[in-house]
Amino acid sequence: MLTRAERAGGSIVRPAERAQWGGYFGYLGDPDGHLWKVVSTA
């Protein structure tokens, strides 16, 4: 998901990494400057 967002004009602020609770998360910035947290439990 983060890679697709980057190709669409966003920027990866923090690459996806494993979380304490067992999932993964990362942060991206969209072209308008908004920060998004992306979370996956798989």
Protein backbone atom coordinates (compact mmCIF):
# COMPACT_ATOMS: atom_id res chain seq x y z
CA MET A 1 0.00 0.00 0.00
CA LEU A 2 2.75 2.47 0.87
CA THR A 3 4.59 1.77 -2.39
CA ARG A 4 1.40 2.33 -4.41
CA ALA A 5 0.77 5.62 -2.61
CA GLU A 6 4.34 6.73 -3.31
CA ARG A 7 3.93 5.98 -7.04
CA ALA A 8 0.74 8.08 -7.01
CA GLY A 9 2.61 11.15 -5.71
CA GLY A 10 2.78 10.60 -1.96
CA SER A 11 5.92 10.19 0.11
CA ILE A 12 6.84 7.48 2.60
CA VAL A 13 7.48 9.23 5.90
CA ARG A 14 8.14 6.05 7.89
CA PRO A 15 8.51 2.68 6.12
CA ALA A 16 6.27 -0.18 7.25
CA GLU A 17 7.59 -2.10 10.24
CA ARG A 18 6.36 -4.80 12.59
CA ALA A 19 4.35 -3.54 15.55
CA GLN A 20 4.33 -4.86 19.13
CA TRP A 21 0.79 -6.13 18.68
CA GLY A 22 1.77 -8.38 15.76
CA GLY A 23 0.67 -6.30 12.76
CA TYR A 24 2.51 -3.80 10.59
CA PHE A 25 2.28 -0.02 10.26
CA GLY A 26 3.89 2.87 8.44
CA TYR A 27 3.27 6.55 7.65
CA LEU A 28 2.88 8.34 4.36
CA GLY A 29 2.34 11.92 3.31
CA ASP A 30 -0.11 12.68 0.52
CA PRO A 31 0.46 15.35 -2.17
CA ASP A 32 -1.65 17.83 -0.15
CA GLY A 33 0.60 17.50 2.90
CA HIS A 34 -1.64 15.29 5.05
CA LEU A 35 -0.02 12.55 7.13
CA TRP A 36 -1.59 9.07 7.05
CA LYS A 37 -0.91 6.02 9.19
CA VAL A 38 -1.39 2.73 7.34
CA VAL A 39 -2.02 -0.39 9.46
CA SER A 40 -2.27 -4.07 8.57
CA THR A 41 -3.01 -7.02 10.82
CA ALA A 42 -1.89 -9.59 8.26
